[in-house]
Amino acid sequence: MEPAGSGFPGVEYNDKKVEKGSGELMLMKNFPSIINKDSSQQEVREYLRTISKNERVKKPQFHAVISTKFREHNKEELTSIAENFMDELGYGKQPFIVVFHNDTENNHTHIVSTRVGKQTGKKIGDSYERLKAQQALSRVMEKLYGLSTQEKIEKLLGYRYGSLKQLELLLERNGFRLSPNKNDEGALDILKNGAWEKTINAARLNFSSQKKDSRTWQLKAILLKYKELYSCKVFKVEDRRAQEGVFPEEKHNENWKAKIEFESELQKKLRDVFGIDIVFHTSDKVKTAVNLKPFGYTLIDHKTGSIYKGSEIMKMNELFEFTSDVIDKRLFESLKDYNIGDEASKQVLLEHLKRQNPDHIPKDFMLFETKKRKNKEIFGAVRSEVKQYLRTQNVKDVHIIKSEDGKFYAIHSKLHYVGELEQLIGEKDYQIFLNPAENHQQVSVIQNEKLSKELDRSINDLIFQFNKSSGGTGKDPREEEQKKRRKKKNR
């Protein structure tokens, strides 16, 4: 698909998605009444081309994608976000379409419009458009969901940190970046996705070193207890998405290297249960993921808003076991989104991954029990597609796997669901699945009985119709004739 063009290829691209059933036209705004949801893609493209006639604008198409993490927002919510986003970005009065796509792991919408102003005939300014888009989206999310970026920054600045490095780490873990201000040496800018959010005075930052107090001993007690309950094996998560997203000629840049993170089940449980975030530190001199090993760690205690040097709580090597195992970031994030409720479902999911890609099987300790519950919408979609799969064997994202204890599980690889088949489809359908031959015989007997009854009914109806058409009483004509003969004889 071309990113832009005078022919508005984005309309054709999205129309093909709709035809295939993987897209849905959610909104057409600011079009004349003759151009509506029943119009052809050619009519929509021709209208956009007509109002975009400006010799200075060679590529008038505006095409944006708004994506959510997996299924965090449904199609209606994403449509509302897209509509408000266009208002914030200055395209609110332009004709545009919003098409929802469900063909990937992430729900997302495509927005197609024109960069030539409908009323002015001039090009809409697009300088620093990527930064403007990030800022516009932040304002939309705050407006619709109350996610105030400024409030979040103020809360983080209120933490107790002992150095600028610790503050920088805290901001980074929450999606922000600290950068020197270009106009003032004593000022620092806080950025989010490259867009400026706030400028702070470095001299006014309140540093405070953390001393051993009652909370320090509490943290150590928590670490010691949960170390025995959950896996403390640390593995590497390799993120190459930034490199994959660049233009082909940039992919072979020697300076590119994957971003490496360190994860373990123990870390996840500490974050989820106690708000304790453990961040490992590595040297920039080590370039390969295999040889990369942390030299220390920082503990961020979100409950009390404090940051500690990890060794002050507990020595790193006493708490964690480091491995050389590596997993791709995209796969790791999708695995964390599965509803892994127990050891059995974890092993079933591992078996599924083994069948899909035998050369890259995650280790057992890379899958965390999440107890995550899927909402009604996702559960309903999974149940519907699993039942369809059992009827047709033709749903690519559904997989049925038998566990070691003999139970059957259903896995939906796109909706990240794993669960017992019987609980999903019900006992009756599960028994039919287990005994298809017996069920077929039962169906045959029922069908034969039904056919026999229908045949008897048809014969009776035929006799009745025959007699009725002859003016008779609906009785056997031979019997009537015999009665008449007996009456004559008696006379």
Protein backbone atom coordinates (compact mmCIF):
# COMPACT_ATOMS: atom_id res chain seq x y z
CA MET A 1 0.00 0.00 0.00
CA GLU A 2 1.34 3.41 -0.95
CA PRO A 3 1.58 5.83 2.00
CA ALA A 4 0.05 8.66 -0.03
CA GLY A 5 -1.04 9.51 -3.55
CA SER A 6 -3.39 11.48 -5.74
CA GLY A 7 -5.54 8.37 -6.23
CA PHE A 8 -6.22 7.89 -2.50
CA PRO A 9 -5.06 4.24 -2.32
CA GLY A 10 -6.01 4.13 1.35
CA VAL A 11 -9.69 4.02 0.38
CA GLU A 12 -9.12 1.01 -1.87
CA TYR A 13 -6.96 -0.71 0.76
CA ASN A 14 -9.61 -0.38 3.46
CA ASP A 15 -12.43 -1.31 1.10
CA LYS A 16 -10.68 -4.60 0.32
CA LYS A 17 -10.43 -5.28 4.06
CA VAL A 18 -14.18 -4.72 4.40
CA GLU A 19 -14.88 -7.07 1.47
CA LYS A 20 -12.77 -9.80 3.09
CA GLY A 21 -14.64 -9.43 6.39
CA SER A 22 -11.59 -8.21 8.32
CA GLY A 23 -12.64 -4.56 8.22
CA GLU A 24 -15.75 -2.57 9.07
CA LEU A 25 -16.62 0.96 7.96
CA MET A 26 -17.40 2.74 11.22
CA LEU A 27 -17.68 6.39 10.25
CA MET A 28 -17.97 8.68 7.21
CA LYS A 29 -17.90 12.32 8.20
CA ASN A 30 -18.22 15.63 6.34
CA PHE A 31 -19.14 14.03 3.01
CA PRO A 32 -22.13 15.30 0.96
CA SER A 33 -25.32 13.25 1.25
CA ILE A 34 -24.76 11.65 -2.16
CA ILE A 35 -21.54 10.08 -0.82
CA ASN A 36 -22.45 7.68 2.00
CA LYS A 37 -21.87 4.16 3.31
CA ASP A 38 -23.62 2.70 0.27
CA SER A 39 -21.28 4.48 -2.16
CA SER A 40 -18.60 2.55 -4.00
CA GLN A 41 -14.93 3.01 -3.21
CA GLN A 42 -14.53 4.58 -6.64
CA GLU A 43 -17.14 7.25 -5.80
CA VAL A 44 -15.43 8.02 -2.48
CA ARG A 45 -12.00 8.24 -4.11
CA GLU A 46 -13.33 10.41 -6.94
CA TYR A 47 -14.91 12.84 -4.47
CA LEU A 48 -11.70 13.13 -2.44
CA ARG A 49 -9.71 13.59 -5.65
CA THR A 50 -12.10 16.30 -6.85
CA ILE A 51 -11.83 18.46 -3.72
CA SER A 52 -8.05 17.92 -3.53
CA LYS A 53 -7.11 19.65 -6.78
CA ASN A 54 -4.07 21.70 -5.90
CA GLU A 55 -1.04 21.60 -8.19
CA ARG A 56 1.33 22.22 -5.28
CA VAL A 57 0.11 19.15 -3.39
CA LYS A 58 1.39 16.04 -5.16
CA LYS A 59 0.32 13.59 -2.46
CA PRO A 60 -2.92 14.85 -0.91
CA GLN A 61 -3.88 11.65 0.94
CA PHE A 62 -3.87 11.73 4.76
CA HIS A 63 -3.68 8.21 6.20
CA ALA A 64 -3.27 7.44 9.92
CA VAL A 65 -3.61 4.33 12.06
CA ILE A 66 -4.62 4.33 15.71
CA SER A 67 -3.87 1.02 17.42
CA THR A 68 -4.54 -0.24 20.93
CA LYS A 69 -2.62 -2.91 22.81
CA PHE A 70 -4.37 -6.16 21.90
CA ARG A 71 -8.09 -5.75 22.79
CA GLU A 72 -7.90 -2.95 25.39
CA HIS A 73 -10.33 -0.82 23.32
CA ASN A 74 -13.22 -2.08 21.18
CA LYS A 75 -14.25 -0.78 17.77
CA GLU A 76 -16.70 1.82 19.12
CA GLU A 77 -14.12 3.24 21.51
CA LEU A 78 -11.45 3.39 18.81
CA THR A 79 -13.89 5.14 16.47
CA SER A 80 -14.60 7.78 19.11
CA ILE A 81 -10.86 8.21 19.70
CA ALA A 82 -10.26 8.57 15.94
CA GLU A 83 -13.00 11.18 15.54
CA ASN A 84 -11.69 13.28 18.43
CA PHE A 85 -8.12 12.83 17.19
CA MET A 86 -9.02 14.37 13.82
CA ASP A 87 -10.54 17.37 15.61
CA GLU A 88 -7.41 17.86 17.71
CA LEU A 89 -5.09 17.53 14.70
CA GLY A 90 -6.97 20.14 12.65
CA TYR A 91 -8.80 17.76 10.29
CA GLY A 92 -12.15 17.86 12.07
CA LYS A 93 -13.97 19.65 9.20
CA GLN A 94 -12.36 17.54 6.49
CA PRO A 95 -14.18 14.60 4.89
CA PHE A 96 -12.73 11.41 6.37
CA ILE A 97 -13.53 7.74 6.83
CA VAL A 98 -12.75 5.52 9.82
CA VAL A 99 -12.41 1.78 9.19
CA PHE A 100 -11.96 -0.74 12.01
CA HIS A 101 -9.64 -3.72 11.40
CA ASN A 102 -9.61 -6.97 13.37
CA ASP A 103 -7.08 -8.95 11.32
CA THR A 104 -4.17 -8.60 13.75
CA GLU A 105 -3.59 -9.16 17.47
CA ASN A 106 -4.18 -5.44 18.06
CA ASN A 107 -7.54 -3.77 17.45
CA HIS A 108 -6.90 -0.74 15.23
CA THR A 109 -8.59 1.83 13.02
CA HIS A 110 -7.46 3.39 9.75
CA ILE A 111 -8.33 7.01 9.02
CA VAL A 112 -8.27 8.31 5.43
CA SER A 113 -8.78 11.96 4.50
CA THR A 114 -7.29 14.70 2.32
CA ARG A 115 -4.53 17.18 3.17
CA VAL A 116 -6.17 19.84 0.98
CA GLY A 117 -8.61 21.99 2.93
CA LYS A 118 -12.18 21.40 1.77
CA GLN A 119 -13.13 25.04 2.26
CA THR A 120 -9.85 26.82 1.45
CA GLY A 121 -8.33 24.64 -1.25
CA LYS A 122 -4.96 25.05 0.48
CA LYS A 123 -2.77 22.40 2.04
CA ILE A 124 -3.25 21.80 5.77
CA GLY A 125 0.05 22.38 7.60
CA ASP A 126 1.93 19.16 8.31
CA SER A 127 5.17 20.40 9.87
CA TYR A 128 6.22 18.24 12.84
CA GLU A 129 3.07 16.22 12.20
CA ARG A 130 4.27 13.13 14.07
CA LEU A 131 4.85 15.15 17.25
CA LYS A 132 1.55 16.99 16.81
CA ALA A 133 -0.21 13.65 16.39
CA GLN A 134 1.24 12.33 19.67
CA GLN A 135 0.17 15.49 21.50
CA ALA A 136 -3.30 15.34 19.93
CA LEU A 137 -3.72 11.71 20.98
CA SER A 138 -2.62 12.52 24.55
CA ARG A 139 -5.26 15.27 24.76
CA VAL A 140 -7.92 12.92 23.39
CA MET A 141 -7.12 10.19 25.91
CA GLU A 142 -7.22 12.73 28.74
CA LYS A 143 -10.54 14.08 27.49
CA LEU A 144 -12.21 10.67 27.04
CA TYR A 145 -10.60 8.65 29.84
CA GLY A 146 -9.17 11.18 32.28
CA LEU A 147 -5.58 10.08 31.63
CA SER A 148 -3.86 13.37 32.44
CA THR A 149 -0.22 13.36 31.37
CA GLN A 150 0.58 16.42 33.45
CA GLU A 151 -0.90 14.90 36.60
CA LYS A 152 1.13 11.75 36.03
CA ILE A 153 4.34 13.77 35.63
CA GLU A 154 3.68 15.74 38.82
CA LYS A 155 3.08 12.53 40.74
CA LEU A 156 6.39 11.05 39.52
CA LEU A 157 8.30 14.23 40.38
CA GLY A 158 6.96 13.85 43.92
CA TYR A 159 8.80 10.53 44.43
CA ARG A 160 11.87 10.35 46.67
CA TYR A 161 14.96 9.82 44.48
CA GLY A 162 18.62 10.11 45.35
CA SER A 163 20.06 11.17 41.98
CA LEU A 164 19.22 12.48 38.54
CA LYS A 165 19.83 8.97 37.18
CA GLN A 166 17.15 7.57 39.43
CA LEU A 167 14.66 10.24 38.33
CA GLU A 168 15.55 9.56 34.70
CA LEU A 169 14.94 5.84 35.25
CA LEU A 170 11.62 6.48 36.99
CA LEU A 171 10.38 8.64 34.10
CA GLU A 172 11.57 6.14 31.51
CA ARG A 173 9.69 3.29 33.19
CA ASN A 174 6.52 5.34 32.83
CA GLY A 175 6.90 6.28 29.18
CA PHE A 176 8.73 9.62 29.50
CA ARG A 177 12.23 10.79 28.62
CA LEU A 178 14.40 13.43 30.26
CA SER A 179 16.30 15.68 27.84
CA PRO A 180 18.48 18.83 28.22
CA ASN A 181 16.65 22.04 27.30
CA LYS A 182 18.23 23.63 24.21
CA ASN A 183 17.74 27.20 25.42
CA ASP A 184 18.55 26.88 29.13
CA GLU A 185 21.46 24.83 30.49
CA GLY A 186 19.85 24.63 33.92
CA ALA A 187 16.54 23.27 32.60
CA LEU A 188 15.38 19.80 31.60
CA ASP A 189 12.56 18.85 29.23
CA ILE A 190 10.24 15.92 29.84
CA LEU A 191 9.17 14.29 26.57
CA LYS A 192 6.61 11.62 25.72
CA ASN A 193 6.95 9.87 22.35
CA GLY A 194 9.22 12.72 21.29
CA ALA A 195 6.68 15.42 22.12
CA TRP A 196 7.42 18.06 24.77
CA GLU A 197 5.29 17.81 27.91
CA LYS A 198 7.01 19.88 30.62
CA THR A 199 10.20 21.83 31.44
CA ILE A 200 11.68 21.59 34.96
CA ASN A 201 14.46 23.45 36.75
CA ALA A 202 17.27 21.00 37.56
CA ALA A 203 18.44 23.10 40.52
CA ARG A 204 15.05 22.78 42.23
CA LEU A 205 14.91 19.00 42.16
CA ASN A 206 14.65 17.63 45.68
CA PHE A 207 17.12 14.74 46.02
CA SER A 208 16.95 12.62 49.16
CA SER A 209 19.01 9.49 49.79
CA GLN A 210 17.07 6.54 51.15
CA LYS A 211 18.23 5.33 54.54
CA LYS A 212 17.40 1.99 56.13
CA ASP A 213 14.04 2.29 57.81
CA SER A 214 11.06 0.07 58.62
CA ARG A 215 10.03 0.01 54.95
CA THR A 216 13.48 -1.29 53.97
CA TRP A 217 13.07 -4.29 56.25
CA GLN A 218 9.52 -4.84 54.95
CA LEU A 219 10.79 -4.89 51.37
CA LYS A 220 13.49 -7.42 52.22
CA ALA A 221 10.96 -9.67 53.97
CA ILE A 222 8.70 -9.51 50.87
CA LEU A 223 11.58 -10.41 48.54
CA LEU A 224 12.65 -13.37 50.67
CA LYS A 225 9.10 -14.75 50.93
CA TYR A 226 8.13 -14.43 47.28
CA LYS A 227 11.49 -15.74 46.07
CA GLU A 228 10.38 -19.14 47.39
CA LEU A 229 6.94 -18.94 45.76
CA TYR A 230 7.76 -17.84 42.20
CA SER A 231 10.51 -18.42 39.66
CA CYS A 232 13.48 -16.10 40.12
CA LYS A 233 15.08 -17.15 36.81
CA VAL A 234 15.84 -14.01 34.81
CA PHE A 235 15.76 -14.10 31.00
CA LYS A 236 16.30 -11.47 28.30
CA VAL A 237 13.54 -9.87 26.24
CA GLU A 238 14.85 -8.66 22.88
CA ASP A 239 12.96 -5.79 21.23
CA ARG A 240 13.71 -5.22 17.51
CA ARG A 241 10.49 -3.41 16.62
CA ALA A 242 12.19 -0.03 16.14
CA GLN A 243 14.60 -1.57 13.67
CA GLU A 244 11.84 -3.47 11.86
CA GLY A 245 9.87 -0.26 11.38
CA VAL A 246 12.52 1.71 9.47
CA PHE A 247 12.86 1.99 5.69
CA PRO A 248 14.64 -0.91 3.92
CA GLU A 249 17.80 1.09 3.23
CA GLU A 250 18.18 1.77 6.96
CA LYS A 251 17.75 -1.82 8.16
CA HIS A 252 21.43 -2.63 7.74
CA ASN A 253 22.66 0.28 9.84
CA GLU A 254 25.59 -1.04 11.89
CA ASN A 255 24.64 1.17 14.83
CA TRP A 256 21.32 -0.60 15.23
CA LYS A 257 21.08 -2.95 18.18
CA ALA A 258 18.13 -4.53 19.87
CA LYS A 259 16.77 -3.08 23.07
CA ILE A 260 17.21 -5.61 25.88
CA GLU A 261 15.02 -5.92 28.96
CA PHE A 262 15.23 -8.44 31.81
CA GLU A 263 12.19 -10.26 33.13
CA SER A 264 11.24 -12.99 35.59
CA GLU A 265 8.05 -14.31 37.14
CA LEU A 266 9.19 -12.97 40.51
CA GLN A 267 9.47 -9.45 39.10
CA LYS A 268 5.96 -9.60 37.65
CA LYS A 269 4.40 -10.78 40.92
CA LEU A 270 6.17 -8.05 42.88
CA ARG A 271 4.83 -5.44 40.43
CA ASP A 272 1.28 -6.79 40.38
CA VAL A 273 0.86 -7.48 44.09
CA PHE A 274 3.01 -4.87 45.84
CA GLY A 275 3.75 -2.18 43.23
CA ILE A 276 7.47 -2.99 43.45
CA ASP A 277 9.30 -2.45 40.16
CA ILE A 278 12.77 -3.96 39.80
CA VAL A 279 14.99 -2.52 37.04
CA PHE A 280 18.34 -4.08 36.11
CA HIS A 281 21.39 -2.08 34.98
CA THR A 282 23.80 -3.14 32.23
CA SER A 283 26.92 -1.77 30.57
CA ASP A 284 26.64 -0.17 27.11
CA LYS A 285 29.96 -1.80 26.17
CA VAL A 286 28.35 -5.23 25.88
CA LYS A 287 26.51 -5.39 22.54
CA THR A 288 25.21 -8.95 22.29
CA ALA A 289 22.19 -10.24 24.15
CA VAL A 290 23.91 -13.55 24.92
CA ASN A 291 26.75 -11.96 26.90
CA LEU A 292 24.70 -9.17 28.43
CA LYS A 293 24.39 -9.43 32.20
CA PRO A 294 23.30 -6.86 34.78
CA PHE A 295 25.78 -5.44 37.26
CA GLY A 296 23.13 -4.12 39.63
CA TYR A 297 19.49 -3.18 40.06
CA THR A 298 17.19 -0.41 41.29
CA LEU A 299 14.00 -0.99 43.28
CA ILE A 300 11.11 1.44 42.71
CA ASP A 301 8.50 1.25 45.47
CA HIS A 302 5.34 2.78 44.01
CA LYS A 303 3.41 2.22 47.23
CA THR A 304 5.52 4.72 49.18
CA GLY A 305 6.88 6.68 46.17
CA SER A 306 10.51 5.82 46.96
CA ILE A 307 13.48 4.61 44.92
CA TYR A 308 16.18 2.40 46.43
CA LYS A 309 19.54 1.11 45.31
CA GLY A 310 18.86 -2.63 45.10
CA SER A 311 21.94 -3.79 46.99
CA GLU A 312 20.76 -1.79 50.01
CA ILE A 313 17.75 -4.13 50.24
CA MET A 314 19.21 -7.45 49.09
CA LYS A 315 22.17 -8.51 46.97
CA MET A 316 21.19 -9.18 43.37
CA ASN A 317 22.77 -12.64 43.04
CA GLU A 318 21.09 -13.80 46.25
CA LEU A 319 17.71 -12.85 44.86
CA PHE A 320 17.87 -13.79 41.16
CA GLU A 321 19.23 -16.57 38.96
CA PHE A 322 20.41 -15.25 35.58
CA THR A 323 20.04 -17.35 32.41
CA SER A 324 21.22 -16.89 28.83
CA ASP A 325 17.71 -17.47 27.44
CA VAL A 326 16.24 -14.85 25.09
CA ILE A 327 12.65 -14.26 23.90
CA ASP A 328 11.28 -11.80 21.33
CA LYS A 329 9.45 -8.83 22.82
CA ARG A 330 6.38 -9.17 20.59
CA LEU A 331 5.93 -12.84 21.51
CA PHE A 332 6.55 -12.15 25.19
CA GLU A 333 3.89 -9.43 25.32
CA SER A 334 1.33 -11.66 23.64
CA LEU A 335 2.06 -14.52 26.07
CA LYS A 336 1.51 -12.18 29.03
CA ASP A 337 -1.95 -11.39 27.64
CA TYR A 338 -3.11 -15.04 27.80
CA ASN A 339 -5.44 -16.08 30.64
CA ILE A 340 -3.08 -18.72 32.08
CA GLY A 341 -4.91 -19.84 35.19
CA ASP A 342 -2.92 -22.89 36.31
CA GLU A 343 -0.01 -25.18 35.50
CA ALA A 344 -2.14 -27.37 33.19
CA SER A 345 -3.14 -24.49 30.91
CA LYS A 346 0.48 -23.29 30.87
CA GLN A 347 1.70 -26.68 29.65
CA VAL A 348 -1.03 -26.82 27.01
CA LEU A 349 0.01 -23.40 25.71
CA LEU A 350 3.65 -24.51 25.61
CA GLU A 351 2.62 -27.56 23.57
CA HIS A 352 0.78 -25.28 21.15
CA LEU A 353 3.84 -23.03 20.77
CA LYS A 354 6.00 -26.09 20.18
CA ARG A 355 3.75 -27.20 17.33
CA GLN A 356 3.71 -23.74 15.78
CA ASN A 357 7.47 -23.15 15.87
CA PRO A 358 9.59 -26.07 17.11
CA ASP A 359 12.83 -24.09 16.73
CA HIS A 360 11.80 -21.24 19.05
CA ILE A 361 9.98 -22.67 22.05
CA PRO A 362 9.84 -20.43 25.13
CA LYS A 363 11.07 -21.98 28.36
CA ASP A 364 8.57 -22.93 31.04
CA PHE A 365 9.66 -20.07 33.31
CA MET A 366 8.95 -17.51 30.56
CA LEU A 367 5.19 -18.10 30.87
CA PHE A 368 3.56 -16.53 33.91
CA GLU A 369 0.30 -17.59 35.51
CA THR A 370 -1.85 -14.49 35.13
CA LYS A 371 -5.35 -15.45 36.36
CA LYS A 372 -6.45 -12.90 33.76
CA ARG A 373 -10.16 -12.96 32.84
CA LYS A 374 -11.31 -12.16 29.33
CA ASN A 375 -14.29 -9.83 28.99
CA LYS A 376 -17.69 -11.02 27.71
CA GLU A 377 -17.07 -9.72 24.21
CA ILE A 378 -13.82 -11.66 23.78
CA PHE A 379 -15.17 -14.78 25.52
CA GLY A 380 -18.22 -14.75 23.25
CA ALA A 381 -16.06 -14.38 20.14
CA VAL A 382 -13.82 -17.26 21.26
CA ARG A 383 -16.78 -19.55 21.97
CA SER A 384 -18.41 -18.76 18.63
CA GLU A 385 -15.23 -19.41 16.62
CA VAL A 386 -14.41 -22.59 18.56
CA LYS A 387 -17.88 -23.99 17.81
CA GLN A 388 -17.43 -23.03 14.16
CA TYR A 389 -14.06 -24.78 14.13
CA LEU A 390 -15.58 -27.97 15.57
CA ARG A 391 -18.17 -27.93 12.76
CA THR A 392 -15.89 -27.02 9.85
CA GLN A 393 -12.25 -27.45 10.98
CA ASN A 394 -11.67 -24.19 9.09
CA VAL A 395 -10.84 -21.44 11.61
CA LYS A 396 -7.11 -20.69 11.43
CA ASP A 397 -6.74 -19.08 14.89
CA VAL A 398 -8.39 -21.93 16.84
CA HIS A 399 -6.43 -24.95 18.04
CA ILE A 400 -7.62 -27.96 20.07
CA ILE A 401 -5.00 -29.69 22.24
CA LYS A 402 -5.27 -32.67 24.58
CA SER A 403 -3.50 -32.28 27.92
CA GLU A 404 -1.51 -34.97 29.71
CA ASP A 405 -4.45 -35.77 31.99
CA GLY A 406 -6.75 -36.38 28.99
CA LYS A 407 -8.69 -33.12 29.00
CA PHE A 408 -9.14 -31.13 25.80
CA TYR A 409 -8.26 -27.43 25.72
CA ALA A 410 -9.09 -24.72 23.21
CA ILE A 411 -6.51 -22.08 22.27
CA HIS A 412 -7.33 -18.94 20.30
CA SER A 413 -4.00 -17.54 19.14
CA LYS A 414 -5.31 -14.12 18.03
CA LEU A 415 -7.53 -13.40 21.04
CA HIS A 416 -4.96 -14.90 23.45
CA TYR A 417 -7.31 -17.37 25.10
CA VAL A 418 -6.55 -20.78 26.61
CA GLY A 419 -9.09 -22.82 28.55
CA GLU A 420 -10.84 -26.16 28.99
CA LEU A 421 -13.01 -27.01 26.00
CA GLU A 422 -15.91 -28.33 28.09
CA GLN A 423 -16.19 -25.12 30.11
CA LEU A 424 -16.17 -23.14 26.88
CA ILE A 425 -18.79 -24.99 24.81
CA GLY A 426 -20.83 -26.76 27.49
CA GLU A 427 -21.20 -30.41 28.56
CA LYS A 428 -23.63 -31.42 25.78
CA ASP A 429 -21.46 -30.17 22.90
CA TYR A 430 -18.36 -31.52 24.63
CA GLN A 431 -19.86 -35.03 24.73
CA ILE A 432 -20.72 -34.73 21.05
CA PHE A 433 -17.08 -33.75 20.41
CA LEU A 434 -15.82 -36.75 22.40
CA ASN A 435 -18.23 -39.27 20.77
CA PRO A 436 -18.86 -38.12 17.20
CA ALA A 437 -19.71 -41.64 15.89
CA GLU A 438 -22.30 -42.29 18.61
CA ASN A 439 -23.81 -38.90 18.03
CA HIS A 440 -23.98 -39.59 14.28
CA GLN A 441 -25.92 -42.83 14.98
CA GLN A 442 -28.32 -41.01 17.27
CA VAL A 443 -28.87 -38.37 14.63
CA SER A 444 -29.47 -41.10 12.01
CA VAL A 445 -32.08 -42.86 14.22
CA ILE A 446 -33.87 -39.59 14.90
CA GLN A 447 -33.77 -38.69 11.20
CA ASN A 448 -35.15 -42.14 10.24
CA GLU A 449 -37.97 -41.91 12.78
CA LYS A 450 -38.79 -38.45 11.54
CA LEU A 451 -38.72 -39.63 7.93
CA SER A 452 -41.02 -42.58 8.75
CA LYS A 453 -43.55 -40.33 10.47
CA GLU A 454 -43.48 -37.90 7.56
CA LEU A 455 -43.97 -40.78 5.11
CA ASP A 456 -46.99 -42.15 7.07
CA ARG A 457 -48.42 -38.65 7.23
CA SER A 458 -47.94 -38.21 3.48
CA ILE A 459 -49.69 -41.52 2.67
CA ASN A 460 -52.65 -40.68 4.90
CA ASP A 461 -52.83 -37.22 3.38
CA LEU A 462 -52.76 -38.76 -0.09
CA ILE A 463 -55.64 -41.16 0.72
CA PHE A 464 -57.62 -38.35 2.27
CA GLN A 465 -57.08 -36.09 -0.72
CA PHE A 466 -57.99 -38.89 -3.15
CA ASN A 467 -61.31 -39.57 -1.40
CA LYS A 468 -62.02 -35.90 -0.90
CA SER A 469 -61.53 -35.16 -4.56
CA SER A 470 -63.91 -38.05 -5.44
CA GLY A 471 -66.60 -36.64 -3.19
CA GLY A 472 -66.15 -39.49 -0.70
CA THR A 473 -66.07 -39.55 3.06
CA GLY A 474 -62.38 -40.18 3.42
CA LYS A 475 -62.92 -43.97 3.96
CA ASP A 476 -61.60 -46.86 1.88
CA PRO A 477 -63.80 -46.97 -1.32
CA ARG A 478 -63.66 -50.82 -1.52
CA GLU A 479 -65.16 -51.05 1.97
CA GLU A 480 -67.94 -48.66 0.95
CA GLU A 481 -68.71 -50.72 -2.15
CA GLN A 482 -68.95 -53.95 -0.12
CA LYS A 483 -71.40 -52.28 2.32
CA LYS A 484 -73.65 -51.24 -0.58
CA ARG A 485 -73.70 -54.80 -1.97
CA ARG A 486 -74.63 -56.26 1.43
CA LYS A 487 -77.54 -53.81 1.75
CA LYS A 488 -78.92 -54.80 -1.71
CA LYS A 489 -78.63 -58.51 -0.88
CA ASN A 490 -80.50 -58.06 2.40
CA ARG A 491 -83.35 -56.39 0.62
